[in-house]
Structures are given as structure tokens and as C-alpha cells.
Amino acid sequence: MRFLVFVLLCTLTVQRGECSSVLNADSPVTSYRVMTPGLPKVTIDLFGLNPYLGWRYPRMLLPVAVNPTSVLWPTGTVQNFGTFGCGVNPLNVSVEVYKPGVTDMPGQGTNIHCVVHLGKVTSFPSGNWTCIQNFSMTYTGDNGNGNNDIFSAAISSLPPGLYEFTCACSDQGVFTNPLDPAVLPSITWIGTSNPPNNFTDAQVTINNAALNDDCDPATAIPLNTGATIVNNDCSVDGKVWFKYTVTQSNVIVSASASNGTLSGASVIGMHLNACNGAAPGSQCLQAGDIIYIEAGKAGSCPEQGTFTLN
């Protein structure tokens, strides 16, 4: 009879994939796991002593759910992560994910992917998110009990503002943007079953807007004649200010922008001798005149990056 069971298991191996065994002290072979790429895992467990035969009889176990069982904030996580200076310190986010037979093995669980799901808000708490973004997380180790995998992300690209964020994990492939639970039902969102972390949405404040985010003669960045690579990093609205001092008399000054890492950059406005001055247009300017130039990429959800002013 033992021989017959062994033949059955190896037949499954040939038909469906890899056949692996786990050895226990009380039985030479106690379980086989049959795996085929793209199909659920099936376990045949030689479970329970048969009183008539004196050995363990096979039992089929149903495969576990395809999505992770739980996603939790690590113990000690507080809901409000505090205040970070834009472009100074990254926002570090970590999460623990558990799936039986996957994350409780040594090292990284197979095919687990996690993201930070983040949106801009006007106050805490909100729930009314705009400018939603997703940031991929990477495996950084196991927690102390060895059951959960830890995934982390360091986010340093947020413009100034208030943000709420949560996390989600899946074993069904890499997430796409935007992350929508209505179209990706196999994901598991962060839960509240890790007291005292009885919250799902965390909070963070980003401050320290760029000095040239608003027009000020003292903080507008000076430009020279010719092409200059600039950026709109840490701008609240995606627009930043520069100034150009005319060096010759009876000249016409123009400006344009070309893309760098910021796609769609443009010169938004030019003003003569004051932030709210008239547009210089095609008039002849004199040495000492100052042109204030607003440039970047305007939008309610600002994008940041480099571009060239000419």
C-alpha cells in the first residue's frame, strides 16, 4: 500500500509539475506539494494514523486564497508620521504582509508585491484624496516571528502639502497606476488587526516649499543669457520664478522652455521690472531692466523635474 501511494504521487508530479517532500520524525514522508506555473498549489498530506493499516493516509488540502491573508503596519507605527522637509529627508514607510506557506518561509515570499497608495488632502483626517500616486515597495526582511515579510519604500518626491496614505499587497503581479480595488480584487489592503495600530490611513506633512515658488525679487533665481538647466522641485503648484537682468540697451528679450525630466515644461509668464509688471512683448528694453519669468508646469497635481530655459 505504501508503494501504491508513492506511485500515485509521482504520477501527479509527471502530469502537473514539481513533486517535493517534507520529512517528519514520525513518518518517512508526510506531505507532497504539487506545483505547476500559473496553477494553484495543491498539497497531498499523509495525515492521521489509520488504525487498520498503521500508517498515515492521504488527505487533499484545499489551496489557500490567492491574495495575502493580512497586511499590517509594523508594531509601534503611529498614524501621523510627522513633518518632513521637501527634498531633505525621505518619508520611510514599511508594512508587514502574511500569507501561509509563502511569507513564513525563509527569505522573501514568492511573487509578493506591495505599494504605498498615497493621496493629497486638505486636512486631517480627510479620506477625500486627490493627486493619487503609487510607490513600489521592496522586500527588506522578515519580522521577529518569522511569519511576516517586511516591505519598505523611501519616498522623496512629494511636493509640499498634506498627504494620507495606506498600503496594499498582492501575489498576482506588479501593480499598475492607478491602483483601483474595483478592478484589482485580488489585492489585500492594510488592516486594523494589529493593536494598537487601529488605523488604515496614515498621515504626513511635507513643508519647505522652494524659495522661488512665489515671485519675490529677493528669491527669484537669476538667469544668464543662453540655455540654463533649472528645476521646479518642491513647488506647491509646479511653477517657479526666475529673473533676467538686461545687459544691453535697445534689445528684445524672449524666453522659451524645453523638456528635461519634466515633460511639458513651458514659460508661463514674463513681467517687466515687477512680479506683476506688464509683459515685455516685443518692446525694446534698456540695460538694467529686469524680466521676471514664471516657468515650469502648472497643475493641481504638480509634477517636478528639470527643464531648460533659453
C-alpha atoms as a PDB file:
ATOM      1  CA  MET A   1       0.000   0.000   0.000  1.00  0.00           C
ATOM      2  CA  ARG A   2       2.846   2.374   0.743  1.00  0.00           C
ATOM      3  CA  PHE A   3       4.178   1.611  -2.707  1.00  0.00           C
ATOM      4  CA  LEU A   4       0.830   2.445  -4.302  1.00  0.00           C
ATOM      5  CA  VAL A   5       0.664   5.880  -2.644  1.00  0.00           C
ATOM      6  CA  PHE A   6       4.170   6.660  -3.789  1.00  0.00           C
ATOM      7  CA  VAL A   7       3.240   5.770  -7.380  1.00  0.00           C
ATOM      8  CA  LEU A   8       0.142   7.984  -7.198  1.00  0.00           C
ATOM      9  CA  LEU A   9       2.146  10.976  -6.009  1.00  0.00           C
ATOM     10  CA  CYS A  10       4.807  10.596  -8.641  1.00  0.00           C
ATOM     11  CA  THR A  11       2.114  10.280 -11.324  1.00  0.00           C
ATOM     12  CA  LEU A  12       0.771  13.660 -10.168  1.00  0.00           C
ATOM     13  CA  THR A  13       4.280  15.006 -10.406  1.00  0.00           C
ATOM     14  CA  VAL A  14       4.626  13.973 -14.029  1.00  0.00           C
ATOM     15  CA  GLN A  15       1.270  15.434 -15.009  1.00  0.00           C
ATOM     16  CA  ARG A  16       1.237  18.697 -13.065  1.00  0.00           C
ATOM     17  CA  GLY A  17       4.693  19.783 -12.102  1.00  0.00           C
ATOM     18  CA  GLU A  18       7.298  19.590  -9.357  1.00  0.00           C
ATOM     19  CA  CYS A  19       6.911  16.973  -6.586  1.00  0.00           C
ATOM     20  CA  SER A  20       8.657  17.847  -3.309  1.00  0.00           C
ATOM     21  CA  SER A  21       8.618  16.099   0.042  1.00  0.00           C
ATOM     22  CA  VAL A  22       8.792  17.174   3.672  1.00  0.00           C
ATOM     23  CA  LEU A  23      10.221  14.764   6.243  1.00  0.00           C
ATOM     24  CA  ASN A  24       8.877  14.454   9.788  1.00  0.00           C
ATOM     25  CA  ALA A  25      10.204  12.357  12.639  1.00  0.00           C
ATOM     26  CA  ASP A  26       7.090  10.208  12.930  1.00  0.00           C
ATOM     27  CA  SER A  27       6.674   9.372   9.250  1.00  0.00           C
ATOM     28  CA  PRO A  28       9.161   8.887   6.395  1.00  0.00           C
ATOM     29  CA  VAL A  29       7.109  11.115   4.108  1.00  0.00           C
ATOM     30  CA  THR A  30       4.270  13.282   5.413  1.00  0.00           C
ATOM     31  CA  SER A  31       3.396  15.625   2.589  1.00  0.00           C
ATOM     32  CA  TYR A  32       3.908  16.344  -1.081  1.00  0.00           C
ATOM     33  CA  ARG A  33       3.338  19.685  -2.765  1.00  0.00           C
ATOM     34  CA  VAL A  34       2.453  19.661  -6.450  1.00  0.00           C
ATOM     35  CA  MET A  35       3.159  22.908  -8.306  1.00  0.00           C
ATOM     36  CA  THR A  36       2.544  23.998 -11.874  1.00  0.00           C
ATOM     37  CA  PRO A  37       3.292  27.550 -13.064  1.00  0.00           C
ATOM     38  CA  GLY A  38       0.058  29.532 -13.270  1.00  0.00           C
ATOM     39  CA  LEU A  39      -1.963  26.990 -11.260  1.00  0.00           C
ATOM     40  CA  PRO A  40      -2.810  26.948  -7.528  1.00  0.00           C
ATOM     41  CA  LYS A  41      -0.637  24.856  -5.238  1.00  0.00           C
ATOM     42  CA  VAL A  42      -2.137  21.529  -4.139  1.00  0.00           C
ATOM     43  CA  THR A  43      -0.899  19.666  -1.098  1.00  0.00           C
ATOM     44  CA  ILE A  44      -1.374  15.944  -0.511  1.00  0.00           C
ATOM     45  CA  ASP A  45      -0.851  15.416   3.199  1.00  0.00           C
ATOM     46  CA  LEU A  46      -0.261  11.963   4.687  1.00  0.00           C
ATOM     47  CA  PHE A  47      -2.267  12.944   7.722  1.00  0.00           C
ATOM     48  CA  GLY A  48      -3.610  10.969  10.702  1.00  0.00           C
ATOM     49  CA  LEU A  49      -2.831   7.417  11.740  1.00  0.00           C
ATOM     50  CA  ASN A  50      -5.029   4.825  10.045  1.00  0.00           C
ATOM     51  CA  PRO A  51      -5.950   2.336  12.822  1.00  0.00           C
ATOM     52  CA  TYR A  52      -6.262  -0.537  10.345  1.00  0.00           C
ATOM     53  CA  LEU A  53      -3.167  -0.031   8.268  1.00  0.00           C
ATOM     54  CA  GLY A  54      -0.953   1.530  10.940  1.00  0.00           C
ATOM     55  CA  TRP A  55       0.287   4.353   8.685  1.00  0.00           C
ATOM     56  CA  ARG A  56      -0.837   7.787   7.547  1.00  0.00           C
ATOM     57  CA  TYR A  57      -3.471   8.006   4.832  1.00  0.00           C
ATOM     58  CA  PRO A  58      -3.511  10.743   2.175  1.00  0.00           C
ATOM     59  CA  ARG A  59      -5.752  13.815   2.551  1.00  0.00           C
ATOM     60  CA  MET A  60      -6.228  16.547  -0.048  1.00  0.00           C
ATOM     61  CA  LEU A  61      -5.987  20.102   1.337  1.00  0.00           C
ATOM     62  CA  LEU A  62      -7.732  22.938  -0.476  1.00  0.00           C
ATOM     63  CA  PRO A  63      -5.334  25.592  -1.799  1.00  0.00           C
ATOM     64  CA  VAL A  64      -5.095  28.797   0.228  1.00  0.00           C
ATOM     65  CA  ALA A  65      -6.583  32.075  -1.038  1.00  0.00           C
ATOM     66  CA  VAL A  66      -4.583  33.649  -3.830  1.00  0.00           C
ATOM     67  CA  ASN A  67      -4.286  37.030  -2.131  1.00  0.00           C
ATOM     68  CA  PRO A  68      -2.270  37.661   1.058  1.00  0.00           C
ATOM     69  CA  THR A  69      -4.112  36.932   4.315  1.00  0.00           C
ATOM     70  CA  SER A  70      -3.125  40.138   6.099  1.00  0.00           C
ATOM     71  CA  VAL A  71      -1.246  43.394   5.565  1.00  0.00           C
ATOM     72  CA  LEU A  72      -0.332  45.284   8.731  1.00  0.00           C
ATOM     73  CA  TRP A  73       1.548  48.307   9.951  1.00  0.00           C
ATOM     74  CA  PRO A  74       4.592  47.160  11.930  1.00  0.00           C
ATOM     75  CA  THR A  75       4.178  47.261  15.701  1.00  0.00           C
ATOM     76  CA  GLY A  76       4.809  50.755  17.033  1.00  0.00           C
ATOM     77  CA  THR A  77       3.735  52.597  13.888  1.00  0.00           C
ATOM     78  CA  VAL A  78       1.923  55.850  14.698  1.00  0.00           C
ATOM     79  CA  GLN A  79      -0.777  57.268  12.459  1.00  0.00           C
ATOM     80  CA  ASN A  80       0.819  60.686  11.932  1.00  0.00           C
ATOM     81  CA  PHE A  81       4.336  60.270  10.566  1.00  0.00           C
ATOM     82  CA  GLY A  82       5.093  63.941  11.313  1.00  0.00           C
ATOM     83  CA  THR A  83       6.572  66.690   9.141  1.00  0.00           C
ATOM     84  CA  PHE A  84       9.302  66.316   6.535  1.00  0.00           C
ATOM     85  CA  GLY A  85      11.163  68.986   4.618  1.00  0.00           C
ATOM     86  CA  CYS A  86      10.687  68.712   0.871  1.00  0.00           C
ATOM     87  CA  GLY A  87      13.823  67.329  -0.733  1.00  0.00           C
ATOM     88  CA  VAL A  88      15.560  66.958   2.639  1.00  0.00           C
ATOM     89  CA  ASN A  89      14.527  63.693   4.292  1.00  0.00           C
ATOM     90  CA  PRO A  90      12.586  60.858   2.620  1.00  0.00           C
ATOM     91  CA  LEU A  91       9.324  59.531   4.014  1.00  0.00           C
ATOM     92  CA  ASN A  92      10.120  55.948   5.037  1.00  0.00           C
ATOM     93  CA  VAL A  93       7.123  53.598   5.016  1.00  0.00           C
ATOM     94  CA  SER A  94       7.151  49.919   5.999  1.00  0.00           C
ATOM     95  CA  VAL A  95       4.454  47.268   6.059  1.00  0.00           C
ATOM     96  CA  GLU A  96       4.220  43.608   7.047  1.00  0.00           C
ATOM     97  CA  VAL A  97       2.450  41.046   4.875  1.00  0.00           C
ATOM     98  CA  TYR A  98       1.462  37.478   5.737  1.00  0.00           C
ATOM     99  CA  LYS A  99       0.405  34.601   3.529  1.00  0.00           C
ATOM    100  CA  PRO A 100       0.537  30.995   4.808  1.00  0.00           C
ATOM    101  CA  GLY A 101       3.133  28.877   3.065  1.00  0.00           C
ATOM    102  CA  VAL A 102       4.679  31.904   1.376  1.00  0.00           C
ATOM    103  CA  THR A 103       5.860  34.611   3.760  1.00  0.00           C
ATOM    104  CA  ASP A 104       6.506  32.202   6.641  1.00  0.00           C
ATOM    105  CA  MET A 105       9.337  30.571   4.665  1.00  0.00           C
ATOM    106  CA  PRO A 106      12.928  31.832   4.994  1.00  0.00           C
ATOM    107  CA  GLY A 107      13.630  34.882   2.846  1.00  0.00           C
ATOM    108  CA  GLN A 108      11.249  36.708   0.541  1.00  0.00           C
ATOM    109  CA  GLY A 109       7.885  35.134  -0.233  1.00  0.00           C
ATOM    110  CA  THR A 110       7.401  34.266  -3.887  1.00  0.00           C
ATOM    111  CA  ASN A 111       5.745  36.879  -6.104  1.00  0.00           C
ATOM    112  CA  ILE A 112       4.569  39.185  -3.302  1.00  0.00           C
ATOM    113  CA  HIS A 113       4.297  42.824  -4.396  1.00  0.00           C
ATOM    114  CA  CYS A 114       3.364  45.812  -2.222  1.00  0.00           C
ATOM    115  CA  VAL A 115       2.749  49.515  -2.845  1.00  0.00           C
ATOM    116  CA  VAL A 116       2.236  52.689  -0.859  1.00  0.00           C
ATOM    117  CA  HIS A 117      -1.052  54.191  -2.042  1.00  0.00           C
ATOM    118  CA  LEU A 118      -0.982  57.946  -1.365  1.00  0.00           C
ATOM    119  CA  GLY A 119      -3.178  60.979  -1.975  1.00  0.00           C
ATOM    120  CA  LYS A 120      -3.131  64.704  -1.265  1.00  0.00           C
ATOM    121  CA  VAL A 121      -5.661  66.102   1.238  1.00  0.00           C
ATOM    122  CA  THR A 122      -6.617  69.492   2.630  1.00  0.00           C
ATOM    123  CA  SER A 123      -6.869  68.456   6.299  1.00  0.00           C
ATOM    124  CA  PHE A 124      -6.517  65.504   8.707  1.00  0.00           C
ATOM    125  CA  PRO A 125      -8.416  63.221   8.768  1.00  0.00           C
ATOM    126  CA  SER A 126      -9.847  63.502   5.287  1.00  0.00           C
ATOM    127  CA  GLY A 127     -10.397  60.449   3.106  1.00  0.00           C
ATOM    128  CA  ASN A 128     -11.036  62.809   0.174  1.00  0.00           C
ATOM    129  CA  TRP A 129      -7.860  62.185  -1.792  1.00  0.00           C
ATOM    130  CA  THR A 130      -6.583  63.902  -4.916  1.00  0.00           C
ATOM    131  CA  CYS A 131      -3.339  63.543  -6.889  1.00  0.00           C
ATOM    132  CA  ILE A 132      -3.218  59.809  -6.088  1.00  0.00           C
ATOM    133  CA  GLN A 133       0.129  58.098  -6.578  1.00  0.00           C
ATOM    134  CA  ASN A 134       1.549  54.617  -6.017  1.00  0.00           C
ATOM    135  CA  PHE A 135       5.079  53.889  -4.875  1.00  0.00           C
ATOM    136  CA  SER A 136       6.525  50.400  -5.219  1.00  0.00           C
ATOM    137  CA  MET A 137       7.882  48.792  -2.074  1.00  0.00           C
ATOM    138  CA  THR A 138      10.807  46.386  -1.849  1.00  0.00           C
ATOM    139  CA  TYR A 139      11.390  43.409   0.431  1.00  0.00           C
ATOM    140  CA  THR A 140      13.645  44.391   3.341  1.00  0.00           C
ATOM    141  CA  GLY A 141      13.496  41.320   5.613  1.00  0.00           C
ATOM    142  CA  ASP A 142      11.345  39.223   7.929  1.00  0.00           C
ATOM    143  CA  ASN A 143       9.815  40.378  11.173  1.00  0.00           C
ATOM    144  CA  GLY A 144      10.826  38.902  14.515  1.00  0.00           C
ATOM    145  CA  ASN A 145       8.390  35.987  14.487  1.00  0.00           C
ATOM    146  CA  GLY A 146       9.453  34.846  11.018  1.00  0.00           C
ATOM    147  CA  ASN A 147       5.900  34.717   9.670  1.00  0.00           C
ATOM    148  CA  ASN A 148       5.638  38.136   8.033  1.00  0.00           C
ATOM    149  CA  ASP A 149       7.671  39.653   5.211  1.00  0.00           C
ATOM    150  CA  ILE A 150       8.523  43.338   5.554  1.00  0.00           C
ATOM    151  CA  PHE A 151       8.295  45.657   2.545  1.00  0.00           C
ATOM    152  CA  SER A 152       9.545  49.253   2.610  1.00  0.00           C
ATOM    153  CA  ALA A 153       9.654  52.407   0.486  1.00  0.00           C
ATOM    154  CA  ALA A 154      11.576  55.681   0.813  1.00  0.00           C
ATOM    155  CA  ILE A 155       9.549  58.479  -0.809  1.00  0.00           C
ATOM    156  CA  SER A 156      11.358  61.740  -1.514  1.00  0.00           C
ATOM    157  CA  SER A 157       9.475  63.210  -4.482  1.00  0.00           C
ATOM    158  CA  LEU A 158       6.443  64.743  -2.759  1.00  0.00           C
ATOM    159  CA  PRO A 159       5.742  68.470  -3.211  1.00  0.00           C
ATOM    160  CA  PRO A 160       4.743  70.437  -0.105  1.00  0.00           C
ATOM    161  CA  GLY A 161       1.272  69.621   1.219  1.00  0.00           C
ATOM    162  CA  LEU A 162      -0.758  67.280   3.418  1.00  0.00           C
ATOM    163  CA  TYR A 163      -0.967  63.615   2.468  1.00  0.00           C
ATOM    164  CA  GLU A 164      -2.715  60.455   3.610  1.00  0.00           C
ATOM    165  CA  PHE A 165      -1.507  57.014   2.591  1.00  0.00           C
ATOM    166  CA  THR A 166      -2.096  53.322   3.083  1.00  0.00           C
ATOM    167  CA  CYS A 167      -0.561  50.129   1.691  1.00  0.00           C
ATOM    168  CA  ALA A 168      -1.718  47.138  -0.344  1.00  0.00           C
ATOM    169  CA  CYS A 169      -0.115  43.848  -1.328  1.00  0.00           C
ATOM    170  CA  SER A 170      -0.807  41.116  -3.860  1.00  0.00           C
ATOM    171  CA  ASP A 171       0.758  37.940  -5.204  1.00  0.00           C
ATOM    172  CA  GLN A 172      -0.810  38.418  -8.638  1.00  0.00           C
ATOM    173  CA  GLY A 173       1.915  40.524 -10.233  1.00  0.00           C
ATOM    174  CA  VAL A 174       3.200  44.080 -10.173  1.00  0.00           C
ATOM    175  CA  PHE A 175       0.630  46.808  -9.607  1.00  0.00           C
ATOM    176  CA  THR A 176      -0.282  49.348 -12.240  1.00  0.00           C
ATOM    177  CA  ASN A 177      -1.139  53.004 -11.712  1.00  0.00           C
ATOM    178  CA  PRO A 178      -3.740  53.950 -10.681  1.00  0.00           C
ATOM    179  CA  LEU A 179      -4.350  51.225  -8.129  1.00  0.00           C
ATOM    180  CA  ASP A 180      -8.078  50.556  -8.018  1.00  0.00           C
ATOM    181  CA  PRO A 181      -9.591  47.869  -5.797  1.00  0.00           C
ATOM    182  CA  ALA A 182     -12.629  47.761  -8.049  1.00  0.00           C
ATOM    183  CA  VAL A 183     -10.557  46.401 -10.929  1.00  0.00           C
ATOM    184  CA  LEU A 184      -7.913  44.567  -8.889  1.00  0.00           C
ATOM    185  CA  PRO A 185      -9.964  42.493  -6.429  1.00  0.00           C
ATOM    186  CA  SER A 186      -7.103  40.127  -5.607  1.00  0.00           C
ATOM    187  CA  ILE A 187      -5.217  42.699  -3.540  1.00  0.00           C
ATOM    188  CA  THR A 188      -5.230  42.922   0.251  1.00  0.00           C
ATOM    189  CA  TRP A 189      -5.385  46.371   1.838  1.00  0.00           C
ATOM    190  CA  ILE A 190      -3.768  47.178   5.141  1.00  0.00           C
ATOM    191  CA  GLY A 191      -5.933  46.080   8.077  1.00  0.00           C
ATOM    192  CA  THR A 192      -6.577  47.175  11.642  1.00  0.00           C
ATOM    193  CA  SER A 193      -5.905  43.828  13.343  1.00  0.00           C
ATOM    194  CA  ASN A 194      -2.545  44.835  14.820  1.00  0.00           C
ATOM    195  CA  PRO A 195      -3.437  46.733  18.036  1.00  0.00           C
ATOM    196  CA  PRO A 196      -2.804  49.436  18.990  1.00  0.00           C
ATOM    197  CA  ASN A 197      -2.426  50.333  15.306  1.00  0.00           C
ATOM    198  CA  ASN A 198      -6.175  50.586  14.799  1.00  0.00           C
ATOM    199  CA  PHE A 199      -5.984  52.758  11.688  1.00  0.00           C
ATOM    200  CA  THR A 200      -5.624  52.133   7.982  1.00  0.00           C
ATOM    201  CA  ASP A 201      -4.706  55.582   6.622  1.00  0.00           C
ATOM    202  CA  ALA A 202      -1.533  57.236   7.878  1.00  0.00           C
ATOM    203  CA  GLN A 203      -0.706  60.939   7.581  1.00  0.00           C
ATOM    204  CA  VAL A 204       2.317  63.079   6.720  1.00  0.00           C
ATOM    205  CA  THR A 205       3.040  66.777   6.188  1.00  0.00           C
ATOM    206  CA  ILE A 206       5.616  67.988   3.648  1.00  0.00           C
ATOM    207  CA  ASN A 207       6.838  71.578   4.053  1.00  0.00           C
ATOM    208  CA  ASN A 208       9.738  73.804   2.912  1.00  0.00           C
ATOM    209  CA  ALA A 209       8.474  74.990  -0.456  1.00  0.00           C
ATOM    210  CA  ALA A 210      11.089  76.122  -2.961  1.00  0.00           C
ATOM    211  CA  LEU A 211      12.382  79.643  -2.267  1.00  0.00           C
ATOM    212  CA  ASN A 212      11.362  80.721  -5.770  1.00  0.00           C
ATOM    213  CA  ASP A 213       7.910  79.131  -5.530  1.00  0.00           C
ATOM    214  CA  ASP A 214       6.400  82.639  -5.279  1.00  0.00           C
ATOM    215  CA  CYS A 215       7.617  85.746  -7.060  1.00  0.00           C
ATOM    216  CA  ASP A 216       9.924  87.799  -4.875  1.00  0.00           C
ATOM    217  CA  PRO A 217      12.741  89.966  -6.241  1.00  0.00           C
ATOM    218  CA  ALA A 218      14.978  88.624  -3.467  1.00  0.00           C
ATOM    219  CA  THR A 219      14.370  84.921  -4.152  1.00  0.00           C
ATOM    220  CA  ALA A 220      13.739  84.711  -7.909  1.00  0.00           C
ATOM    221  CA  ILE A 221      16.692  82.758  -9.335  1.00  0.00           C
ATOM    222  CA  PRO A 222      18.949  84.866 -11.607  1.00  0.00           C
ATOM    223  CA  LEU A 223      19.469  83.710 -15.195  1.00  0.00           C
ATOM    224  CA  ASN A 224      22.246  84.412 -17.652  1.00  0.00           C
ATOM    225  CA  THR A 225      21.947  84.758 -21.398  1.00  0.00           C
ATOM    226  CA  GLY A 226      21.711  81.402 -23.157  1.00  0.00           C
ATOM    227  CA  ALA A 227      20.434  77.994 -22.089  1.00  0.00           C
ATOM    228  CA  THR A 228      20.199  77.230 -18.380  1.00  0.00           C
ATOM    229  CA  ILE A 229      19.070  73.934 -16.844  1.00  0.00           C
ATOM    230  CA  VAL A 230      16.656  74.611 -13.971  1.00  0.00           C
ATOM    231  CA  ASN A 231      14.040  72.693 -11.981  1.00  0.00           C
ATOM    232  CA  ASN A 232      10.718  73.185 -10.220  1.00  0.00           C
ATOM    233  CA  ASP A 233      11.436  70.845  -7.306  1.00  0.00           C
ATOM    234  CA  CYS A 234       9.412  71.495  -4.138  1.00  0.00           C
ATOM    235  CA  SER A 235       6.992  73.837  -5.880  1.00  0.00           C
ATOM    236  CA  VAL A 236       3.481  73.799  -4.443  1.00  0.00           C
ATOM    237  CA  ASP A 237       1.819  74.432  -7.808  1.00  0.00           C
ATOM    238  CA  GLY A 238       4.551  73.336 -10.250  1.00  0.00           C
ATOM    239  CA  LYS A 239       5.508  76.946 -11.150  1.00  0.00           C
ATOM    240  CA  VAL A 240       8.717  78.710 -10.087  1.00  0.00           C
ATOM    241  CA  TRP A 241      10.195  82.169 -10.684  1.00  0.00           C
ATOM    242  CA  PHE A 242      13.404  83.418 -12.293  1.00  0.00           C
ATOM    243  CA  LYS A 243      14.778  86.839 -13.203  1.00  0.00           C
ATOM    244  CA  TYR A 244      16.945  88.106 -16.018  1.00  0.00           C
ATOM    245  CA  THR A 245      18.719  91.471 -15.931  1.00  0.00           C
ATOM    246  CA  VAL A 246      19.123  93.078 -19.337  1.00  0.00           C
ATOM    247  CA  THR A 247      22.792  93.910 -20.035  1.00  0.00           C
ATOM    248  CA  GLN A 248      22.451  95.914 -23.268  1.00  0.00           C
ATOM    249  CA  SER A 249      20.178  98.696 -24.425  1.00  0.00           C
ATOM    250  CA  ASN A 250      17.666  98.563 -27.244  1.00  0.00           C
ATOM    251  CA  VAL A 251      17.240  94.788 -27.220  1.00  0.00           C
ATOM    252  CA  ILE A 252      14.238  92.490 -27.348  1.00  0.00           C
ATOM    253  CA  VAL A 253      14.220  89.631 -24.833  1.00  0.00           C
ATOM    254  CA  SER A 254      12.354  86.353 -25.297  1.00  0.00           C
ATOM    255  CA  ALA A 255      12.330  83.105 -23.333  1.00  0.00           C
ATOM    256  CA  SER A 256      11.285  79.515 -24.008  1.00  0.00           C
ATOM    257  CA  ALA A 257      11.428  76.205 -22.186  1.00  0.00           C
ATOM    258  CA  SER A 258      12.375  72.724 -23.364  1.00  0.00           C
ATOM    259  CA  ASN A 259      11.817  69.431 -21.620  1.00  0.00           C
ATOM    260  CA  GLY A 260      14.253  67.658 -19.366  1.00  0.00           C
ATOM    261  CA  THR A 261      12.955  65.168 -16.837  1.00  0.00           C
ATOM    262  CA  LEU A 262       9.873  67.401 -16.629  1.00  0.00           C
ATOM    263  CA  SER A 263       7.669  66.761 -19.613  1.00  0.00           C
ATOM    264  CA  GLY A 264       5.525  69.645 -20.846  1.00  0.00           C
ATOM    265  CA  ALA A 265       7.568  72.450 -19.281  1.00  0.00           C
ATOM    266  CA  SER A 266       6.817  75.946 -20.550  1.00  0.00           C
ATOM    267  CA  VAL A 267       7.296  79.641 -19.893  1.00  0.00           C
ATOM    268  CA  ILE A 268       4.053  80.620 -18.202  1.00  0.00           C
ATOM    269  CA  GLY A 269       4.577  84.375 -17.997  1.00  0.00           C
ATOM    270  CA  MET A 270       7.081  87.242 -18.351  1.00  0.00           C
ATOM    271  CA  HIS A 271       6.807  90.541 -16.454  1.00  0.00           C
ATOM    272  CA  LEU A 272       8.816  93.750 -16.830  1.00  0.00           C
ATOM    273  CA  ASN A 273      10.529  95.235 -13.750  1.00  0.00           C
ATOM    274  CA  ALA A 274       7.981  93.799 -11.265  1.00  0.00           C
ATOM    275  CA  CYS A 275       6.346  90.474 -10.464  1.00  0.00           C
ATOM    276  CA  ASN A 276       3.037  91.904 -11.620  1.00  0.00           C
ATOM    277  CA  GLY A 277       4.508  94.104 -14.347  1.00  0.00           C
ATOM    278  CA  ALA A 278       3.348  94.200 -17.931  1.00  0.00           C
ATOM    279  CA  ALA A 279       4.558  91.641 -20.420  1.00  0.00           C
ATOM    280  CA  PRO A 280       7.623  92.978 -22.251  1.00  0.00           C
ATOM    281  CA  GLY A 281       6.378  91.712 -25.579  1.00  0.00           C
ATOM    282  CA  SER A 282       8.454  92.990 -28.493  1.00  0.00           C
ATOM    283  CA  GLN A 283       9.371  96.351 -26.996  1.00  0.00           C
ATOM    284  CA  CYS A 284      12.975  97.465 -26.887  1.00  0.00           C
ATOM    285  CA  LEU A 285      14.471  97.111 -23.427  1.00  0.00           C
ATOM    286  CA  GLN A 286      17.273  99.028 -21.790  1.00  0.00           C
ATOM    287  CA  ALA A 287      20.259  97.901 -19.788  1.00  0.00           C
ATOM    288  CA  GLY A 288      19.240  97.336 -16.181  1.00  0.00           C
ATOM    289  CA  ASP A 289      15.654  96.312 -16.941  1.00  0.00           C
ATOM    290  CA  ILE A 290      14.641  93.131 -15.108  1.00  0.00           C
ATOM    291  CA  ILE A 291      12.427  90.444 -16.616  1.00  0.00           C
ATOM    292  CA  TYR A 292      10.635  88.183 -14.096  1.00  0.00           C
ATOM    293  CA  ILE A 293       9.917  84.803 -15.666  1.00  0.00           C
ATOM    294  CA  GLU A 294       7.436  82.249 -14.347  1.00  0.00           C
ATOM    295  CA  ALA A 295       8.091  78.762 -15.711  1.00  0.00           C
ATOM    296  CA  GLY A 296       7.502  75.070 -15.028  1.00  0.00           C
ATOM    297  CA  LYS A 297       4.355  73.021 -15.424  1.00  0.00           C
ATOM    298  CA  ALA A 298       1.164  74.283 -13.862  1.00  0.00           C
ATOM    299  CA  GLY A 299      -1.409  71.882 -12.468  1.00  0.00           C
ATOM    300  CA  SER A 300      -3.444  70.948  -9.434  1.00  0.00           C
ATOM    301  CA  CYS A 301      -1.252  67.851  -9.117  1.00  0.00           C
ATOM    302  CA  PRO A 302       2.182  69.329  -9.790  1.00  0.00           C
ATOM    303  CA  GLU A 303       4.933  67.354 -11.451  1.00  0.00           C
ATOM    304  CA  GLN A 304       8.563  68.008 -10.598  1.00  0.00           C
ATOM    305  CA  GLY A 305      11.726  67.764 -12.653  1.00  0.00           C
ATOM    306  CA  THR A 306      14.349  69.565 -14.688  1.00  0.00           C
ATOM    307  CA  PHE A 307      13.909  71.654 -17.829  1.00  0.00           C
ATOM    308  CA  THR A 308      15.917  74.154 -19.845  1.00  0.00           C
ATOM    309  CA  LEU A 309      15.203  77.865 -20.119  1.00  0.00           C
ATOM    310  CA  ASN A 310      16.508  79.536 -23.285  1.00  0.00           C
END
